[in-house]
């Protein structure tokens, strides 16, 4: 199989073997190799109240998307991730966001990640390393998706009564 490029999003909001969330993400980036984005802080989604450390990395691999997913899940477990409440605190979260092969759909994996276009904590770091990568669904670049999500919107004009 010809090597593919994968965009992987990383997140942590719980202390682990390597230290605080930023240290966990940094350790995972070192382990994955590839071209990494800066680590940023972001607000949590869902019930968690802990701030996340997030980043993204471009990884070249000969693996199929399901094989890479299995390896990422093994890394999460090695870092101390345990299955629990959705969107709860976690030592490490690794998600395949985009794949140079385009779209992939199976019962356990969907690429592009279904929610990536609505998540600034994914698009911000991704823009730093892959701004021109196009979402195969919308055709928009990562930079365009990020700009749409984060642009300032003006309040609508109110009509005055005469």
C-alpha atoms as a PDB file:
ATOM      1  CA  UNK A   1       0.000   0.000   0.000  1.00  0.00           C
ATOM      2  CA  UNK A   2       1.226   3.510  -0.824  1.00  0.00           C
ATOM      3  CA  UNK A   3       1.788   5.732   2.183  1.00  0.00           C
ATOM      4  CA  UNK A   4      -1.113   7.997   3.102  1.00  0.00           C
ATOM      5  CA  UNK A   5      -1.184  11.209   5.097  1.00  0.00           C
ATOM      6  CA  UNK A   6      -3.543  11.448   8.055  1.00  0.00           C
ATOM      7  CA  UNK A   7      -4.506  14.533  10.033  1.00  0.00           C
ATOM      8  CA  UNK A   8      -4.829  13.467  13.668  1.00  0.00           C
ATOM      9  CA  UNK A   9      -6.343  15.691  16.382  1.00  0.00           C
ATOM     10  CA  UNK A  10      -5.053  15.317  19.939  1.00  0.00           C
ATOM     11  CA  UNK A  11      -6.617  16.413  23.203  1.00  0.00           C
ATOM     12  CA  UNK A  12      -6.151  15.969  26.934  1.00  0.00           C
ATOM     13  CA  UNK A  13      -7.750  17.475  30.008  1.00  0.00           C
ATOM     14  CA  UNK A  14      -6.527  15.115  32.706  1.00  0.00           C
ATOM     15  CA  UNK A  15      -3.189  14.483  34.313  1.00  0.00           C
ATOM     16  CA  UNK A  16      -1.450  11.262  33.314  1.00  0.00           C
ATOM     17  CA  UNK A  17       1.908   9.496  33.377  1.00  0.00           C
ATOM     18  CA  UNK A  18       3.632  12.346  31.550  1.00  0.00           C
ATOM     19  CA  UNK A  19       2.228  15.184  33.674  1.00  0.00           C
ATOM     20  CA  UNK A  20      -0.548  17.671  33.028  1.00  0.00           C
ATOM     21  CA  UNK A  21      -2.694  17.781  29.886  1.00  0.00           C
ATOM     22  CA  UNK A  22      -0.143  19.823  27.895  1.00  0.00           C
ATOM     23  CA  UNK A  23       2.567  17.283  28.823  1.00  0.00           C
ATOM     24  CA  UNK A  24       0.338  14.384  27.752  1.00  0.00           C
ATOM     25  CA  UNK A  25      -0.304  15.966  24.348  1.00  0.00           C
ATOM     26  CA  UNK A  26       3.401  16.774  23.911  1.00  0.00           C
ATOM     27  CA  UNK A  27       4.344  13.151  24.718  1.00  0.00           C
ATOM     28  CA  UNK A  28       1.774  11.837  22.231  1.00  0.00           C
ATOM     29  CA  UNK A  29       3.085  14.210  19.544  1.00  0.00           C
ATOM     30  CA  UNK A  30       6.620  12.899  20.109  1.00  0.00           C
ATOM     31  CA  UNK A  31       5.380   9.320  19.868  1.00  0.00           C
ATOM     32  CA  UNK A  32       3.379   9.907  16.675  1.00  0.00           C
ATOM     33  CA  UNK A  33       6.108  11.915  14.928  1.00  0.00           C
ATOM     34  CA  UNK A  34       5.157  13.919  11.868  1.00  0.00           C
ATOM     35  CA  UNK A  35       4.493  17.624  11.489  1.00  0.00           C
ATOM     36  CA  UNK A  36       2.873  18.944  14.659  1.00  0.00           C
ATOM     37  CA  UNK A  37       0.829  22.056  15.334  1.00  0.00           C
ATOM     38  CA  UNK A  38       1.342  24.149  18.464  1.00  0.00           C
ATOM     39  CA  UNK A  39      -0.494  23.005  21.579  1.00  0.00           C
ATOM     40  CA  UNK A  40      -3.408  25.298  22.470  1.00  0.00           C
ATOM     41  CA  UNK A  41      -5.798  25.532  25.423  1.00  0.00           C
ATOM     42  CA  UNK A  42      -9.521  25.227  24.810  1.00  0.00           C
ATOM     43  CA  UNK A  43     -12.766  25.100  26.727  1.00  0.00           C
ATOM     44  CA  UNK A  44     -14.320  21.656  27.246  1.00  0.00           C
ATOM     45  CA  UNK A  45     -17.403  20.332  25.454  1.00  0.00           C
ATOM     46  CA  UNK A  46     -20.147  18.601  27.390  1.00  0.00           C
ATOM     47  CA  UNK A  47     -20.094  17.936  31.128  1.00  0.00           C
ATOM     48  CA  UNK A  48     -16.339  18.210  31.724  1.00  0.00           C
ATOM     49  CA  UNK A  49     -15.153  21.366  33.464  1.00  0.00           C
ATOM     50  CA  UNK A  50     -11.420  20.961  32.837  1.00  0.00           C
ATOM     51  CA  UNK A  51      -9.588  22.982  30.193  1.00  0.00           C
ATOM     52  CA  UNK A  52      -8.214  20.926  27.315  1.00  0.00           C
ATOM     53  CA  UNK A  53      -4.781  20.982  25.719  1.00  0.00           C
ATOM     54  CA  UNK A  54      -5.247  20.389  21.974  1.00  0.00           C
ATOM     55  CA  UNK A  55      -3.026  19.974  18.952  1.00  0.00           C
ATOM     56  CA  UNK A  56      -2.937  18.283  15.565  1.00  0.00           C
ATOM     57  CA  UNK A  57      -0.319  16.320  13.659  1.00  0.00           C
ATOM     58  CA  UNK A  58       0.193  15.154  10.088  1.00  0.00           C
ATOM     59  CA  UNK A  59       1.274  11.527  10.097  1.00  0.00           C
ATOM     60  CA  UNK A  60       2.455   9.512   7.107  1.00  0.00           C
ATOM     61  CA  UNK A  61       1.508   5.833   7.314  1.00  0.00           C
ATOM     62  CA  UNK A  62       1.159   2.706   5.195  1.00  0.00           C
ATOM     63  CA  UNK A  63      -1.725   1.631   7.461  1.00  0.00           C
ATOM     64  CA  UNK A  64      -5.326   1.493   6.368  1.00  0.00           C
ATOM     65  CA  UNK A  65      -7.628   3.885   8.254  1.00  0.00           C
ATOM     66  CA  UNK A  66      -8.992   1.056  10.500  1.00  0.00           C
ATOM     67  CA  UNK A  67      -5.460  -0.152  11.271  1.00  0.00           C
ATOM     68  CA  UNK A  68      -4.360   3.357  12.201  1.00  0.00           C
ATOM     69  CA  UNK A  69      -7.477   3.777  14.355  1.00  0.00           C
ATOM     70  CA  UNK A  70      -6.601   0.553  16.209  1.00  0.00           C
ATOM     71  CA  UNK A  71      -3.060   1.847  16.800  1.00  0.00           C
ATOM     72  CA  UNK A  72      -4.378   5.206  18.053  1.00  0.00           C
ATOM     73  CA  UNK A  73      -6.768   3.465  20.470  1.00  0.00           C
ATOM     74  CA  UNK A  74      -3.845   1.355  21.757  1.00  0.00           C
ATOM     75  CA  UNK A  75      -1.842   4.557  22.339  1.00  0.00           C
ATOM     76  CA  UNK A  76      -4.768   6.082  24.242  1.00  0.00           C
ATOM     77  CA  UNK A  77      -4.925   2.992  26.475  1.00  0.00           C
ATOM     78  CA  UNK A  78      -1.142   3.055  27.021  1.00  0.00           C
ATOM     79  CA  UNK A  79      -1.463   6.680  28.161  1.00  0.00           C
ATOM     80  CA  UNK A  80      -4.114   5.627  30.694  1.00  0.00           C
ATOM     81  CA  UNK A  81      -7.342   6.406  28.863  1.00  0.00           C
ATOM     82  CA  UNK A  82     -10.305   4.476  30.139  1.00  0.00           C
ATOM     83  CA  UNK A  83     -13.705   4.382  28.530  1.00  0.00           C
ATOM     84  CA  UNK A  84     -16.217   6.389  30.478  1.00  0.00           C
ATOM     85  CA  UNK A  85     -18.666   9.197  30.160  1.00  0.00           C
ATOM     86  CA  UNK A  86     -18.874  10.798  26.730  1.00  0.00           C
ATOM     87  CA  UNK A  87     -17.014  14.124  26.673  1.00  0.00           C
ATOM     88  CA  UNK A  88     -15.721  13.505  30.192  1.00  0.00           C
ATOM     89  CA  UNK A  89     -12.176  14.075  31.422  1.00  0.00           C
ATOM     90  CA  UNK A  90      -9.561  12.039  29.577  1.00  0.00           C
ATOM     91  CA  UNK A  91      -5.809  11.608  29.644  1.00  0.00           C
ATOM     92  CA  UNK A  92      -5.605  11.439  25.850  1.00  0.00           C
ATOM     93  CA  UNK A  93      -7.992  11.566  22.933  1.00  0.00           C
ATOM     94  CA  UNK A  94      -6.728  10.841  19.398  1.00  0.00           C
ATOM     95  CA  UNK A  95      -9.059  11.264  16.415  1.00  0.00           C
ATOM     96  CA  UNK A  96      -8.477  10.760  12.707  1.00  0.00           C
ATOM     97  CA  UNK A  97      -9.801  13.963  11.141  1.00  0.00           C
ATOM     98  CA  UNK A  98      -8.785  13.755   7.475  1.00  0.00           C
ATOM     99  CA  UNK A  99      -7.076  11.216   5.223  1.00  0.00           C
ATOM    100  CA  UNK A 100      -5.273  11.804   1.927  1.00  0.00           C
ATOM    101  CA  UNK A 101      -7.359   8.976   0.475  1.00  0.00           C
ATOM    102  CA  UNK A 102     -10.513  11.095   0.817  1.00  0.00           C
ATOM    103  CA  UNK A 103     -13.570   9.790   2.651  1.00  0.00           C
ATOM    104  CA  UNK A 104     -13.887   6.524   4.595  1.00  0.00           C
ATOM    105  CA  UNK A 105     -16.959   5.063   6.197  1.00  0.00           C
ATOM    106  CA  UNK A 106     -17.308   1.909   8.248  1.00  0.00           C
ATOM    107  CA  UNK A 107     -19.289   0.979  11.364  1.00  0.00           C
ATOM    108  CA  UNK A 108     -16.369   2.080  13.590  1.00  0.00           C
ATOM    109  CA  UNK A 109     -14.794   4.955  11.656  1.00  0.00           C
ATOM    110  CA  UNK A 110     -15.908   7.923   9.588  1.00  0.00           C
ATOM    111  CA  UNK A 111     -13.417  10.156   7.777  1.00  0.00           C
ATOM    112  CA  UNK A 112     -13.617  13.084   7.655  1.00  0.00           C
ATOM    113  CA  UNK A 113     -14.470  13.191  11.345  1.00  0.00           C
ATOM    114  CA  UNK A 114     -18.186  14.094  11.400  1.00  0.00           C
ATOM    115  CA  UNK A 115     -17.843  17.057  13.790  1.00  0.00           C
ATOM    116  CA  UNK A 116     -14.464  18.518  12.839  1.00  0.00           C
ATOM    117  CA  UNK A 117     -15.898  21.456  10.878  1.00  0.00           C
ATOM    118  CA  UNK A 118     -17.670  22.754  13.993  1.00  0.00           C
ATOM    119  CA  UNK A 119     -14.703  22.517  16.360  1.00  0.00           C
ATOM    120  CA  UNK A 120     -12.307  25.448  16.592  1.00  0.00           C
ATOM    121  CA  UNK A 121     -10.030  23.397  18.867  1.00  0.00           C
ATOM    122  CA  UNK A 122      -9.472  21.044  15.904  1.00  0.00           C
ATOM    123  CA  UNK A 123      -9.499  23.568  13.058  1.00  0.00           C
ATOM    124  CA  UNK A 124      -7.177  26.070  14.760  1.00  0.00           C
ATOM    125  CA  UNK A 125      -4.257  23.652  15.158  1.00  0.00           C
ATOM    126  CA  UNK A 126      -5.054  21.998  11.803  1.00  0.00           C
ATOM    127  CA  UNK A 127      -4.835  25.382  10.072  1.00  0.00           C
ATOM    128  CA  UNK A 128      -1.281  25.770  11.392  1.00  0.00           C
ATOM    129  CA  UNK A 129      -0.074  22.603   9.610  1.00  0.00           C
ATOM    130  CA  UNK A 130      -2.550  21.884   6.786  1.00  0.00           C
ATOM    131  CA  UNK A 131      -4.334  25.129   5.828  1.00  0.00           C
ATOM    132  CA  UNK A 132      -4.946  24.101   2.196  1.00  0.00           C
ATOM    133  CA  UNK A 133      -6.205  20.568   2.888  1.00  0.00           C
ATOM    134  CA  UNK A 134      -9.723  20.319   1.479  1.00  0.00           C
ATOM    135  CA  UNK A 135     -12.649  18.688   3.207  1.00  0.00           C
ATOM    136  CA  UNK A 136     -13.816  16.082   0.654  1.00  0.00           C
ATOM    137  CA  UNK A 137     -17.441  16.765   1.570  1.00  0.00           C
ATOM    138  CA  UNK A 138     -17.659  20.548   1.295  1.00  0.00           C
ATOM    139  CA  UNK A 139     -14.617  21.199  -0.870  1.00  0.00           C
ATOM    140  CA  UNK A 140     -13.586  23.962   1.555  1.00  0.00           C
ATOM    141  CA  UNK A 141     -10.043  24.176   2.885  1.00  0.00           C
ATOM    142  CA  UNK A 142      -9.254  23.768   6.571  1.00  0.00           C
ATOM    143  CA  UNK A 143      -8.419  27.494   6.626  1.00  0.00           C
ATOM    144  CA  UNK A 144     -11.797  28.398   5.098  1.00  0.00           C
ATOM    145  CA  UNK A 145     -13.677  26.155   7.546  1.00  0.00           C
ATOM    146  CA  UNK A 146     -11.802  27.741  10.465  1.00  0.00           C
ATOM    147  CA  UNK A 147     -12.500  31.267   9.192  1.00  0.00           C
ATOM    148  CA  UNK A 148     -16.212  30.507   8.798  1.00  0.00           C
ATOM    149  CA  UNK A 149     -16.378  29.105  12.307  1.00  0.00           C
ATOM    150  CA  UNK A 150     -14.467  31.886  14.038  1.00  0.00           C
ATOM    151  CA  UNK A 151     -15.399  35.003  12.057  1.00  0.00           C
ATOM    152  CA  UNK A 152     -17.030  37.857  13.911  1.00  0.00           C
ATOM    153  CA  UNK A 153     -20.662  38.266  13.010  1.00  0.00           C
ATOM    154  CA  UNK A 154     -22.490  41.549  13.262  1.00  0.00           C
ATOM    155  CA  UNK A 155     -25.842  41.771  14.974  1.00  0.00           C
ATOM    156  CA  UNK A 156     -28.806  42.059  12.612  1.00  0.00           C
ATOM    157  CA  UNK A 157     -30.228  45.527  12.041  1.00  0.00           C
ATOM    158  CA  UNK A 158     -33.490  46.146  13.801  1.00  0.00           C
ATOM    159  CA  UNK A 159     -36.259  47.866  11.929  1.00  0.00           C
ATOM    160  CA  UNK A 160     -37.561  51.014  13.565  1.00  0.00           C
ATOM    161  CA  UNK A 161     -41.275  51.642  13.862  1.00  0.00           C
ATOM    162  CA  UNK A 162     -42.422  54.765  12.150  1.00  0.00           C
END
